[in-house]
Amino acid sequence: MSIIKVQNLYKNFKVKTKEEGLKGSIRSIISPSYREIEAVNNISFEAQKGEILAFIGPNGAGKSTTIKMLTGILHQTSGNIEVLGLNPSTQRKQLSFRIGTVFGQKSQLWFHLPPLDSFNLLGNIYEMDKAKLKNRIEFLKETFEIGDLMDVPVRKLSLGQRIRCEIAASILHEPEIIFLDEPTIGLDVVVKQKIRELILKLNKEEKTTIFLTSHDAGDIEQLCKRAIIINHGQVVLNESIKSLKYDYLNKKEISIKYNHEIKVDDPNINVVKRKGGALKVQVDTSKQDIEEVLTELIKYGKVDDITISEPPLEEIISYIYQQKRGGCK
């Protein structure tokens, strides 16, 4: 069931233009002129209930503008948006009770207050009764392992601790959809993995739909099954993660280790790295059968170890951007 429906969405911004020189500056004050920037250009997509969907693109592609329209912060220039059967532009209050948001660079927690105070304030904003709010806070403390952080002022929390509290706060009112904008930005590898596990747990246990934007390929690869790629304010791809890998980079890497130093002189075998008896071979599966390459490699001697891997998602996304590149709006 589609719970987000976007059809032919446009968003234009007026930007003041300045003329050169003193006279031009005075003229700009008295009679300003404007030009229009098209931030979002005729995009359409849907998101299904319970889905974890990646919405990705380079800086300036229109991601944040789209999220702001989906959540009712901005009004579209034209086009239709339906989130949980509601119009975000005209029914923002009703929608806000059913969605949650986390922006990596912005906080919904009060900086000088401990998270518990913020949670109680948010509970009042969402008109939760005291018993339900208390039970929900206890549940979130256990799920997100933030019990010992609840009385510490937010300003004293580490970034990873704050993000855990931010996500917990965003689902305090049990939203049906949560919009996560760069939730792991600036975090170290260990903390990132913890946040990803919490997001997956949230999706599995509460059936929450996750709408994720991220520049971190690890977030997308581990959390999402489908990705919408936006560039220049337009949707350039809307496919499963598996399809992205299959369609756009038909390459695999074979890492093979022999028990002796080896030299491969076959022109059909593309050795990209060599160190002693260890080789890394790249195979374009659209042109070569990987089994045939393996058969040839095994002929060179006794093999101690062999692995076959796919290219990282980051490389695939970079490739797609290059295919569709141009000026961003």
C-alpha atoms as a PDB file:
ATOM      1  CA  MET A   1       0.000   0.000   0.000  1.00  0.00           C
ATOM      2  CA  SER A   2       1.394   3.409  -1.023  1.00  0.00           C
ATOM      3  CA  ILE A   3       1.526   5.841   1.882  1.00  0.00           C
ATOM      4  CA  ILE A   4       3.552   8.507   0.070  1.00  0.00           C
ATOM      5  CA  LYS A   5       2.405   9.576  -3.393  1.00  0.00           C
ATOM      6  CA  VAL A   6       4.167  12.312  -5.335  1.00  0.00           C
ATOM      7  CA  GLN A   7       3.005  13.330  -8.815  1.00  0.00           C
ATOM      8  CA  ASN A   8       4.550  15.926 -11.152  1.00  0.00           C
ATOM      9  CA  LEU A   9       6.107  17.886  -8.296  1.00  0.00           C
ATOM     10  CA  TYR A  10       7.767  21.249  -8.969  1.00  0.00           C
ATOM     11  CA  LYS A  11       9.369  23.769  -6.640  1.00  0.00           C
ATOM     12  CA  ASN A  12      10.762  27.104  -7.821  1.00  0.00           C
ATOM     13  CA  PHE A  13      12.524  29.717  -5.714  1.00  0.00           C
ATOM     14  CA  LYS A  14      12.879  33.403  -6.510  1.00  0.00           C
ATOM     15  CA  VAL A  15      16.411  34.702  -6.031  1.00  0.00           C
ATOM     16  CA  LYS A  16      17.240  38.389  -5.980  1.00  0.00           C
ATOM     17  CA  THR A  17      19.750  39.455  -8.640  1.00  0.00           C
ATOM     18  CA  LYS A  18      22.277  42.215  -8.024  1.00  0.00           C
ATOM     19  CA  GLU A  19      23.655  44.606 -10.594  1.00  0.00           C
ATOM     20  CA  GLU A  20      27.279  45.708 -10.582  1.00  0.00           C
ATOM     21  CA  GLY A  21      28.453  49.082  -9.352  1.00  0.00           C
ATOM     22  CA  LEU A  22      26.984  51.674  -7.008  1.00  0.00           C
ATOM     23  CA  LYS A  23      24.142  52.645  -9.338  1.00  0.00           C
ATOM     24  CA  GLY A  24      23.279  49.014  -9.843  1.00  0.00           C
ATOM     25  CA  SER A  25      23.221  48.415  -6.077  1.00  0.00           C
ATOM     26  CA  ILE A  26      20.904  51.395  -5.522  1.00  0.00           C
ATOM     27  CA  ARG A  27      18.653  50.265  -8.371  1.00  0.00           C
ATOM     28  CA  SER A  28      18.501  46.761  -6.838  1.00  0.00           C
ATOM     29  CA  ILE A  29      17.254  48.268  -3.562  1.00  0.00           C
ATOM     30  CA  ILE A  30      14.655  50.563  -5.151  1.00  0.00           C
ATOM     31  CA  SER A  31      13.470  48.230  -7.881  1.00  0.00           C
ATOM     32  CA  PRO A  32      14.799  44.718  -7.260  1.00  0.00           C
ATOM     33  CA  SER A  33      14.788  42.111  -9.995  1.00  0.00           C
ATOM     34  CA  TYR A  34      14.558  38.378  -9.497  1.00  0.00           C
ATOM     35  CA  ARG A  35      15.364  35.164 -11.290  1.00  0.00           C
ATOM     36  CA  GLU A  36      13.757  31.796 -10.715  1.00  0.00           C
ATOM     37  CA  ILE A  37      15.654  28.678  -9.683  1.00  0.00           C
ATOM     38  CA  GLU A  38      13.995  25.342 -10.336  1.00  0.00           C
ATOM     39  CA  ALA A  39      14.940  23.231  -7.309  1.00  0.00           C
ATOM     40  CA  VAL A  40      12.572  20.335  -8.029  1.00  0.00           C
ATOM     41  CA  ASN A  41      11.533  19.596 -11.589  1.00  0.00           C
ATOM     42  CA  ASN A  42       8.592  17.284 -12.295  1.00  0.00           C
ATOM     43  CA  ILE A  43       9.351  14.386  -9.949  1.00  0.00           C
ATOM     44  CA  SER A  44       6.965  11.505  -9.292  1.00  0.00           C
ATOM     45  CA  PHE A  45       7.359   8.493  -6.998  1.00  0.00           C
ATOM     46  CA  GLU A  46       5.613   6.414  -4.343  1.00  0.00           C
ATOM     47  CA  ALA A  47       6.686   4.796  -1.071  1.00  0.00           C
ATOM     48  CA  GLN A  48       5.089   1.662   0.356  1.00  0.00           C
ATOM     49  CA  LYS A  49       4.027   0.990   3.936  1.00  0.00           C
ATOM     50  CA  GLY A  50       6.850  -0.573   5.979  1.00  0.00           C
ATOM     51  CA  GLU A  51       9.495   0.212   3.352  1.00  0.00           C
ATOM     52  CA  ILE A  52      12.961   1.619   4.011  1.00  0.00           C
ATOM     53  CA  LEU A  53      13.515   3.855   1.007  1.00  0.00           C
ATOM     54  CA  ALA A  54      16.729   5.692   0.106  1.00  0.00           C
ATOM     55  CA  PHE A  55      16.324   9.124  -1.473  1.00  0.00           C
ATOM     56  CA  ILE A  56      19.793  10.065  -2.633  1.00  0.00           C
ATOM     57  CA  GLY A  57      21.658  12.496  -4.839  1.00  0.00           C
ATOM     58  CA  PRO A  58      24.560  14.955  -4.882  1.00  0.00           C
ATOM     59  CA  ASN A  59      24.518  18.221  -2.948  1.00  0.00           C
ATOM     60  CA  GLY A  60      22.038  20.668  -4.453  1.00  0.00           C
ATOM     61  CA  ALA A  61      20.040  17.935  -6.179  1.00  0.00           C
ATOM     62  CA  GLY A  62      16.753  18.822  -4.442  1.00  0.00           C
ATOM     63  CA  LYS A  63      16.628  16.176  -1.688  1.00  0.00           C
ATOM     64  CA  SER A  64      16.092  18.458   1.296  1.00  0.00           C
ATOM     65  CA  THR A  65      13.634  20.629  -0.627  1.00  0.00           C
ATOM     66  CA  THR A  66      11.581  17.529  -1.436  1.00  0.00           C
ATOM     67  CA  ILE A  67      11.577  16.355   2.196  1.00  0.00           C
ATOM     68  CA  LYS A  68      10.457  19.805   3.333  1.00  0.00           C
ATOM     69  CA  MET A  69       7.527  19.608   0.916  1.00  0.00           C
ATOM     70  CA  LEU A  70       6.653  16.071   2.045  1.00  0.00           C
ATOM     71  CA  THR A  71       6.543  17.234   5.661  1.00  0.00           C
ATOM     72  CA  GLY A  72       4.654  20.472   4.962  1.00  0.00           C
ATOM     73  CA  ILE A  73       7.501  22.868   5.778  1.00  0.00           C
ATOM     74  CA  LEU A  74       7.525  24.140   2.174  1.00  0.00           C
ATOM     75  CA  HIS A  75       4.644  24.416  -0.274  1.00  0.00           C
ATOM     76  CA  GLN A  76       5.130  23.106  -3.783  1.00  0.00           C
ATOM     77  CA  THR A  77       4.939  25.409  -6.806  1.00  0.00           C
ATOM     78  CA  SER A  78       2.792  22.796  -8.540  1.00  0.00           C
ATOM     79  CA  GLY A  79       2.089  19.080  -8.467  1.00  0.00           C
ATOM     80  CA  ASN A  80       0.409  16.764  -5.988  1.00  0.00           C
ATOM     81  CA  ILE A  81       1.673  15.299  -2.697  1.00  0.00           C
ATOM     82  CA  GLU A  82      -0.185  12.833  -0.528  1.00  0.00           C
ATOM     83  CA  VAL A  83       1.349  11.519   2.697  1.00  0.00           C
ATOM     84  CA  LEU A  84      -0.767   9.080   4.712  1.00  0.00           C
ATOM     85  CA  GLY A  85      -3.770  10.297   2.743  1.00  0.00           C
ATOM     86  CA  LEU A  86      -3.135  13.908   3.819  1.00  0.00           C
ATOM     87  CA  ASN A  87      -2.050  17.019   1.938  1.00  0.00           C
ATOM     88  CA  PRO A  88       1.102  18.295   3.724  1.00  0.00           C
ATOM     89  CA  SER A  89       0.448  21.881   2.607  1.00  0.00           C
ATOM     90  CA  THR A  90      -3.081  22.182   3.976  1.00  0.00           C
ATOM     91  CA  GLN A  91      -3.106  19.491   6.672  1.00  0.00           C
ATOM     92  CA  ARG A  92       0.305  19.971   8.230  1.00  0.00           C
ATOM     93  CA  LYS A  93      -0.848  19.767  11.852  1.00  0.00           C
ATOM     94  CA  GLN A  94      -2.698  16.471  11.347  1.00  0.00           C
ATOM     95  CA  LEU A  95       0.307  15.110   9.455  1.00  0.00           C
ATOM     96  CA  SER A  96       2.820  16.164  12.123  1.00  0.00           C
ATOM     97  CA  PHE A  97       1.097  13.856  14.626  1.00  0.00           C
ATOM     98  CA  ARG A  98       1.708  10.892  12.301  1.00  0.00           C
ATOM     99  CA  ILE A  99       5.279  11.478  11.086  1.00  0.00           C
ATOM    100  CA  GLY A 100       8.692  11.977  12.688  1.00  0.00           C
ATOM    101  CA  THR A 101      11.792  13.765  11.399  1.00  0.00           C
ATOM    102  CA  VAL A 102      15.505  13.649  12.165  1.00  0.00           C
ATOM    103  CA  PHE A 103      17.873  16.105  10.516  1.00  0.00           C
ATOM    104  CA  GLY A 104      21.544  15.325  11.126  1.00  0.00           C
ATOM    105  CA  GLN A 105      22.538  18.990  11.518  1.00  0.00           C
ATOM    106  CA  LYS A 106      19.442  20.189  13.399  1.00  0.00           C
ATOM    107  CA  SER A 107      18.164  19.165  16.807  1.00  0.00           C
ATOM    108  CA  GLN A 108      14.664  18.844  18.199  1.00  0.00           C
ATOM    109  CA  LEU A 109      16.143  18.444  21.676  1.00  0.00           C
ATOM    110  CA  TRP A 110      16.647  21.529  23.826  1.00  0.00           C
ATOM    111  CA  PHE A 111      20.399  22.107  24.015  1.00  0.00           C
ATOM    112  CA  HIS A 112      20.673  23.005  27.706  1.00  0.00           C
ATOM    113  CA  LEU A 113      18.036  20.559  28.947  1.00  0.00           C
ATOM    114  CA  PRO A 114      18.408  16.810  29.540  1.00  0.00           C
ATOM    115  CA  PRO A 115      16.629  14.562  27.001  1.00  0.00           C
ATOM    116  CA  LEU A 116      13.988  13.563  29.567  1.00  0.00           C
ATOM    117  CA  ASP A 117      12.764  17.173  29.791  1.00  0.00           C
ATOM    118  CA  SER A 118      12.632  17.410  25.995  1.00  0.00           C
ATOM    119  CA  PHE A 119      10.725  14.135  25.806  1.00  0.00           C
ATOM    120  CA  ASN A 120       8.152  15.388  28.305  1.00  0.00           C
ATOM    121  CA  LEU A 121       7.764  18.668  26.416  1.00  0.00           C
ATOM    122  CA  LEU A 122       7.347  16.810  23.127  1.00  0.00           C
ATOM    123  CA  GLY A 123       4.810  14.518  24.769  1.00  0.00           C
ATOM    124  CA  ASN A 124       2.735  17.579  25.674  1.00  0.00           C
ATOM    125  CA  ILE A 125       3.062  18.949  22.142  1.00  0.00           C
ATOM    126  CA  TYR A 126       1.789  15.630  20.762  1.00  0.00           C
ATOM    127  CA  GLU A 127      -1.015  15.622  23.344  1.00  0.00           C
ATOM    128  CA  MET A 128      -0.016  12.251  24.812  1.00  0.00           C
ATOM    129  CA  ASP A 129      -1.618  11.269  28.116  1.00  0.00           C
ATOM    130  CA  LYS A 130       0.803  10.965  31.028  1.00  0.00           C
ATOM    131  CA  ALA A 131       0.568   7.194  31.478  1.00  0.00           C
ATOM    132  CA  LYS A 132       1.145   6.500  27.787  1.00  0.00           C
ATOM    133  CA  LEU A 133       4.029   8.979  27.647  1.00  0.00           C
ATOM    134  CA  LYS A 134       5.696   7.405  30.685  1.00  0.00           C
ATOM    135  CA  ASN A 135       5.410   3.895  29.221  1.00  0.00           C
ATOM    136  CA  ARG A 136       6.706   5.081  25.856  1.00  0.00           C
ATOM    137  CA  ILE A 137       9.724   6.785  27.406  1.00  0.00           C
ATOM    138  CA  GLU A 138      10.571   3.618  29.350  1.00  0.00           C
ATOM    139  CA  PHE A 139      10.326   1.589  26.145  1.00  0.00           C
ATOM    140  CA  LEU A 140      12.603   4.011  24.257  1.00  0.00           C
ATOM    141  CA  LYS A 141      15.140   4.090  27.099  1.00  0.00           C
ATOM    142  CA  GLU A 142      15.483   0.318  26.889  1.00  0.00           C
ATOM    143  CA  THR A 143      15.374   0.031  23.087  1.00  0.00           C
ATOM    144  CA  PHE A 144      17.897   2.804  22.405  1.00  0.00           C
ATOM    145  CA  GLU A 145      19.986   2.163  25.529  1.00  0.00           C
ATOM    146  CA  ILE A 146      19.697   5.780  26.648  1.00  0.00           C
ATOM    147  CA  GLY A 147      18.570   5.292  30.257  1.00  0.00           C
ATOM    148  CA  ASP A 148      21.809   6.700  31.674  1.00  0.00           C
ATOM    149  CA  LEU A 149      21.658   9.698  29.307  1.00  0.00           C
ATOM    150  CA  MET A 150      18.174  10.939  30.145  1.00  0.00           C
ATOM    151  CA  ASP A 151      19.282  13.320  32.918  1.00  0.00           C
ATOM    152  CA  VAL A 152      22.421  14.625  31.184  1.00  0.00           C
ATOM    153  CA  PRO A 153      22.124  18.024  29.424  1.00  0.00           C
ATOM    154  CA  VAL A 154      22.128  17.537  25.653  1.00  0.00           C
ATOM    155  CA  ARG A 155      25.145  19.847  25.295  1.00  0.00           C
ATOM    156  CA  LYS A 156      27.233  17.295  27.241  1.00  0.00           C
ATOM    157  CA  LEU A 157      26.290  14.303  25.086  1.00  0.00           C
ATOM    158  CA  SER A 158      28.567  12.941  22.377  1.00  0.00           C
ATOM    159  CA  LEU A 159      27.285  13.140  18.803  1.00  0.00           C
ATOM    160  CA  GLY A 160      26.430   9.435  18.766  1.00  0.00           C
ATOM    161  CA  GLN A 161      24.559   9.690  22.069  1.00  0.00           C
ATOM    162  CA  ARG A 162      22.659  12.736  20.817  1.00  0.00           C
ATOM    163  CA  ILE A 163      21.627  11.021  17.570  1.00  0.00           C
ATOM    164  CA  ARG A 164      20.269   8.056  19.529  1.00  0.00           C
ATOM    165  CA  CYS A 165      18.226  10.459  21.635  1.00  0.00           C
ATOM    166  CA  GLU A 166      17.139  12.374  18.509  1.00  0.00           C
ATOM    167  CA  ILE A 167      15.779   9.253  16.825  1.00  0.00           C
ATOM    168  CA  ALA A 168      14.073   8.175  20.043  1.00  0.00           C
ATOM    169  CA  ALA A 169      12.467  11.622  20.355  1.00  0.00           C
ATOM    170  CA  SER A 170      11.285  11.504  16.747  1.00  0.00           C
ATOM    171  CA  ILE A 171       9.319   8.282  17.379  1.00  0.00           C
ATOM    172  CA  LEU A 172       8.012   9.248  20.815  1.00  0.00           C
ATOM    173  CA  HIS A 173       4.489   9.649  19.403  1.00  0.00           C
ATOM    174  CA  GLU A 174       4.701   6.365  17.414  1.00  0.00           C
ATOM    175  CA  PRO A 175       4.739   7.897  13.914  1.00  0.00           C
ATOM    176  CA  GLU A 176       3.892   5.825  10.860  1.00  0.00           C
ATOM    177  CA  ILE A 177       6.670   7.422   8.788  1.00  0.00           C
ATOM    178  CA  ILE A 178      10.027   8.788   9.874  1.00  0.00           C
ATOM    179  CA  PHE A 179      12.116  11.038   7.629  1.00  0.00           C
ATOM    180  CA  LEU A 180      15.833  10.642   8.326  1.00  0.00           C
ATOM    181  CA  ASP A 181      18.085  13.246   6.716  1.00  0.00           C
ATOM    182  CA  GLU A 182      21.756  12.209   7.090  1.00  0.00           C
ATOM    183  CA  PRO A 183      21.253  10.428  10.451  1.00  0.00           C
ATOM    184  CA  THR A 184      24.824   9.071  10.622  1.00  0.00           C
ATOM    185  CA  ILE A 185      26.725  12.133   9.414  1.00  0.00           C
ATOM    186  CA  GLY A 186      29.902  12.742  11.417  1.00  0.00           C
ATOM    187  CA  LEU A 187      29.686   9.482  13.372  1.00  0.00           C
ATOM    188  CA  ASP A 188      32.486   6.934  13.708  1.00  0.00           C
ATOM    189  CA  VAL A 189      32.149   3.447  12.222  1.00  0.00           C
ATOM    190  CA  VAL A 190      31.047   1.723  15.444  1.00  0.00           C
ATOM    191  CA  VAL A 191      28.377   4.298  16.284  1.00  0.00           C
ATOM    192  CA  LYS A 192      27.118   4.329  12.679  1.00  0.00           C
ATOM    193  CA  GLN A 193      26.560   0.592  12.841  1.00  0.00           C
ATOM    194  CA  LYS A 194      24.674   0.954  16.121  1.00  0.00           C
ATOM    195  CA  ILE A 195      22.376   3.594  14.603  1.00  0.00           C
ATOM    196  CA  ARG A 196      21.732   1.358  11.581  1.00  0.00           C
ATOM    197  CA  GLU A 197      20.798  -1.544  13.842  1.00  0.00           C
ATOM    198  CA  LEU A 198      18.368   0.694  15.732  1.00  0.00           C
ATOM    199  CA  ILE A 199      16.747   1.866  12.488  1.00  0.00           C
ATOM    200  CA  LEU A 200      16.305  -1.730  11.310  1.00  0.00           C
ATOM    201  CA  LYS A 201      14.849  -2.699  14.684  1.00  0.00           C
ATOM    202  CA  LEU A 202      12.430   0.217  14.539  1.00  0.00           C
ATOM    203  CA  ASN A 203      11.295  -0.791  11.060  1.00  0.00           C
ATOM    204  CA  LYS A 204      10.896  -4.459  11.976  1.00  0.00           C
ATOM    205  CA  GLU A 205       9.196  -4.127  15.359  1.00  0.00           C
ATOM    206  CA  GLU A 206       7.002  -1.062  14.810  1.00  0.00           C
ATOM    207  CA  LYS A 207       6.535  -1.418  11.028  1.00  0.00           C
ATOM    208  CA  THR A 208       7.632   2.189  10.649  1.00  0.00           C
ATOM    209  CA  THR A 209       8.222   3.388   7.098  1.00  0.00           C
ATOM    210  CA  ILE A 210      11.677   4.969   6.788  1.00  0.00           C
ATOM    211  CA  PHE A 211      12.436   7.678   4.222  1.00  0.00           C
ATOM    212  CA  LEU A 212      16.221   8.038   4.285  1.00  0.00           C
ATOM    213  CA  THR A 213      18.624  10.495   2.702  1.00  0.00           C
ATOM    214  CA  SER A 214      22.327   9.846   3.114  1.00  0.00           C
ATOM    215  CA  HIS A 215      25.685  10.299   1.407  1.00  0.00           C
ATOM    216  CA  ASP A 216      26.935   7.209   3.227  1.00  0.00           C
ATOM    217  CA  ALA A 217      26.782   4.183   0.942  1.00  0.00           C
ATOM    218  CA  GLY A 218      26.887   1.923   4.009  1.00  0.00           C
ATOM    219  CA  ASP A 219      23.577   3.369   5.230  1.00  0.00           C
ATOM    220  CA  ILE A 220      21.924   2.752   1.883  1.00  0.00           C
ATOM    221  CA  GLU A 221      23.358  -0.703   1.307  1.00  0.00           C
ATOM    222  CA  GLN A 222      22.611  -2.058   4.788  1.00  0.00           C
ATOM    223  CA  LEU A 223      19.224  -0.441   5.367  1.00  0.00           C
ATOM    224  CA  CYS A 224      17.428  -0.036   2.047  1.00  0.00           C
ATOM    225  CA  LYS A 225      16.062  -2.345  -0.605  1.00  0.00           C
ATOM    226  CA  ARG A 226      15.138   0.438  -3.024  1.00  0.00           C
ATOM    227  CA  ALA A 227      16.689   3.762  -3.965  1.00  0.00           C
ATOM    228  CA  ILE A 228      15.414   6.845  -5.733  1.00  0.00           C
ATOM    229  CA  ILE A 229      18.283   8.849  -7.192  1.00  0.00           C
ATOM    230  CA  ILE A 230      17.641  12.536  -7.802  1.00  0.00           C
ATOM    231  CA  ASN A 231      19.874  14.943  -9.712  1.00  0.00           C
ATOM    232  CA  HIS A 232      19.196  18.440 -11.078  1.00  0.00           C
ATOM    233  CA  GLY A 233      15.842  18.303  -9.293  1.00  0.00           C
ATOM    234  CA  GLN A 234      14.748  15.293 -11.332  1.00  0.00           C
ATOM    235  CA  VAL A 235      14.416  11.586 -10.593  1.00  0.00           C
ATOM    236  CA  VAL A 236      17.050   9.860 -12.713  1.00  0.00           C
ATOM    237  CA  LEU A 237      16.604   6.350 -11.300  1.00  0.00           C
ATOM    238  CA  ASN A 238      14.084   4.473  -9.179  1.00  0.00           C
ATOM    239  CA  GLU A 239      15.270   0.896  -8.719  1.00  0.00           C
ATOM    240  CA  SER A 240      16.090  -1.775  -6.187  1.00  0.00           C
ATOM    241  CA  ILE A 241      19.596  -1.697  -4.728  1.00  0.00           C
ATOM    242  CA  LYS A 242      20.188  -5.103  -6.275  1.00  0.00           C
ATOM    243  CA  SER A 243      19.219  -3.799  -9.725  1.00  0.00           C
ATOM    244  CA  LEU A 244      21.497  -0.790  -9.370  1.00  0.00           C
ATOM    245  CA  LYS A 245      24.447  -3.079  -8.840  1.00  0.00           C
ATOM    246  CA  TYR A 246      23.471  -5.418 -11.650  1.00  0.00           C
ATOM    247  CA  ASP A 247      22.561  -2.790 -14.242  1.00  0.00           C
ATOM    248  CA  TYR A 248      25.241  -0.180 -13.755  1.00  0.00           C
ATOM    249  CA  LEU A 249      28.449  -1.917 -12.874  1.00  0.00           C
ATOM    250  CA  ASN A 250      28.734  -5.401 -14.279  1.00  0.00           C
ATOM    251  CA  LYS A 251      32.073  -5.875 -12.610  1.00  0.00           C
ATOM    252  CA  LYS A 252      33.249  -8.311  -9.985  1.00  0.00           C
ATOM    253  CA  GLU A 253      36.572  -8.552  -8.234  1.00  0.00           C
ATOM    254  CA  ILE A 254      38.354 -11.837  -7.677  1.00  0.00           C
ATOM    255  CA  SER A 255      40.939 -11.848  -4.896  1.00  0.00           C
ATOM    256  CA  ILE A 256      43.092 -14.948  -5.171  1.00  0.00           C
ATOM    257  CA  LYS A 257      46.076 -16.053  -3.109  1.00  0.00           C
ATOM    258  CA  TYR A 258      48.524 -18.688  -4.332  1.00  0.00           C
ATOM    259  CA  ASN A 259      51.065 -20.490  -2.154  1.00  0.00           C
ATOM    260  CA  HIS A 260      53.833 -19.138  -4.365  1.00  0.00           C
ATOM    261  CA  GLU A 261      54.634 -15.991  -6.327  1.00  0.00           C
ATOM    262  CA  ILE A 262      52.788 -15.898  -9.612  1.00  0.00           C
ATOM    263  CA  LYS A 263      52.929 -14.069 -12.928  1.00  0.00           C
ATOM    264  CA  VAL A 264      49.801 -13.955 -15.087  1.00  0.00           C
ATOM    265  CA  ASP A 265      50.408 -12.999 -18.708  1.00  0.00           C
ATOM    266  CA  ASP A 266      46.978 -13.806 -20.152  1.00  0.00           C
ATOM    267  CA  PRO A 267      45.603 -10.675 -21.959  1.00  0.00           C
ATOM    268  CA  ASN A 268      42.053 -11.800 -21.105  1.00  0.00           C
ATOM    269  CA  ILE A 269      42.728 -11.572 -17.363  1.00  0.00           C
ATOM    270  CA  ASN A 270      42.656  -8.008 -16.010  1.00  0.00           C
ATOM    271  CA  VAL A 271      45.015  -7.943 -13.020  1.00  0.00           C
ATOM    272  CA  VAL A 272      44.476  -4.678 -11.133  1.00  0.00           C
ATOM    273  CA  LYS A 273      46.697  -5.441  -8.131  1.00  0.00           C
ATOM    274  CA  ARG A 274      49.575  -7.822  -7.521  1.00  0.00           C
ATOM    275  CA  LYS A 275      51.650  -8.561  -4.434  1.00  0.00           C
ATOM    276  CA  GLY A 276      53.717 -11.734  -4.279  1.00  0.00           C
ATOM    277  CA  GLY A 277      51.306 -14.645  -4.621  1.00  0.00           C
ATOM    278  CA  ALA A 278      48.220 -12.452  -4.132  1.00  0.00           C
ATOM    279  CA  LEU A 279      46.294 -11.082  -7.100  1.00  0.00           C
ATOM    280  CA  LYS A 280      43.217  -8.937  -7.515  1.00  0.00           C
ATOM    281  CA  VAL A 281      41.473  -9.477 -10.839  1.00  0.00           C
ATOM    282  CA  GLN A 282      38.606  -7.411 -12.228  1.00  0.00           C
ATOM    283  CA  VAL A 283      35.999  -9.132 -14.396  1.00  0.00           C
ATOM    284  CA  ASP A 284      33.411  -7.414 -16.590  1.00  0.00           C
ATOM    285  CA  THR A 285      30.620  -9.971 -16.447  1.00  0.00           C
ATOM    286  CA  SER A 286      28.867  -8.416 -19.448  1.00  0.00           C
ATOM    287  CA  LYS A 287      31.849  -9.480 -21.575  1.00  0.00           C
ATOM    288  CA  GLN A 288      33.380 -12.428 -19.708  1.00  0.00           C
ATOM    289  CA  ASP A 289      32.095 -15.498 -17.938  1.00  0.00           C
ATOM    290  CA  ILE A 290      33.452 -15.368 -14.404  1.00  0.00           C
ATOM    291  CA  GLU A 291      33.647 -19.175 -14.250  1.00  0.00           C
ATOM    292  CA  GLU A 292      35.964 -19.192 -17.265  1.00  0.00           C
ATOM    293  CA  VAL A 293      38.239 -16.610 -15.618  1.00  0.00           C
ATOM    294  CA  LEU A 294      38.320 -18.675 -12.414  1.00  0.00           C
ATOM    295  CA  THR A 295      39.169 -21.811 -14.385  1.00  0.00           C
ATOM    296  CA  GLU A 296      42.115 -20.036 -16.010  1.00  0.00           C
ATOM    297  CA  LEU A 297      43.355 -18.607 -12.710  1.00  0.00           C
ATOM    298  CA  ILE A 298      43.313 -21.994 -10.987  1.00  0.00           C
ATOM    299  CA  LYS A 299      45.601 -23.364 -13.707  1.00  0.00           C
ATOM    300  CA  TYR A 300      48.441 -21.164 -12.425  1.00  0.00           C
ATOM    301  CA  GLY A 301      49.026 -23.236  -9.300  1.00  0.00           C
ATOM    302  CA  LYS A 302      47.792 -24.247  -5.861  1.00  0.00           C
ATOM    303  CA  VAL A 303      45.320 -21.734  -4.438  1.00  0.00           C
ATOM    304  CA  ASP A 304      45.302 -20.970  -0.692  1.00  0.00           C
ATOM    305  CA  ASP A 305      42.346 -18.593  -0.719  1.00  0.00           C
ATOM    306  CA  ILE A 306      39.865 -17.075  -3.148  1.00  0.00           C
ATOM    307  CA  THR A 307      37.019 -14.562  -2.770  1.00  0.00           C
ATOM    308  CA  ILE A 308      34.630 -12.925  -5.221  1.00  0.00           C
ATOM    309  CA  SER A 309      33.153  -9.540  -4.352  1.00  0.00           C
ATOM    310  CA  GLU A 310      30.857  -6.977  -5.918  1.00  0.00           C
ATOM    311  CA  PRO A 311      31.846  -3.320  -6.349  1.00  0.00           C
ATOM    312  CA  PRO A 312      30.872  -1.066  -3.432  1.00  0.00           C
ATOM    313  CA  LEU A 313      27.599   0.812  -3.786  1.00  0.00           C
ATOM    314  CA  GLU A 314      29.481   4.094  -3.459  1.00  0.00           C
ATOM    315  CA  GLU A 315      31.249   3.320  -6.729  1.00  0.00           C
ATOM    316  CA  ILE A 316      27.950   2.545  -8.441  1.00  0.00           C
ATOM    317  CA  ILE A 317      26.328   5.788  -7.304  1.00  0.00           C
ATOM    318  CA  SER A 318      29.386   7.755  -8.417  1.00  0.00           C
ATOM    319  CA  TYR A 319      29.151   6.082 -11.815  1.00  0.00           C
ATOM    320  CA  ILE A 320      25.451   6.985 -12.147  1.00  0.00           C
ATOM    321  CA  TYR A 321      26.127  10.630 -11.237  1.00  0.00           C
ATOM    322  CA  GLN A 322      28.791  10.780 -13.926  1.00  0.00           C
ATOM    323  CA  GLN A 323      26.361   9.349 -16.460  1.00  0.00           C
ATOM    324  CA  LYS A 324      23.742  11.976 -15.586  1.00  0.00           C
ATOM    325  CA  ARG A 325      25.997  14.841 -14.600  1.00  0.00           C
ATOM    326  CA  GLY A 326      25.441  18.526 -15.273  1.00  0.00           C
ATOM    327  CA  GLY A 327      24.639  21.610 -13.276  1.00  0.00           C
ATOM    328  CA  CYS A 328      22.597  21.058 -10.120  1.00  0.00           C
ATOM    329  CA  LYS A 329      19.762  23.335  -9.224  1.00  0.00           C
END
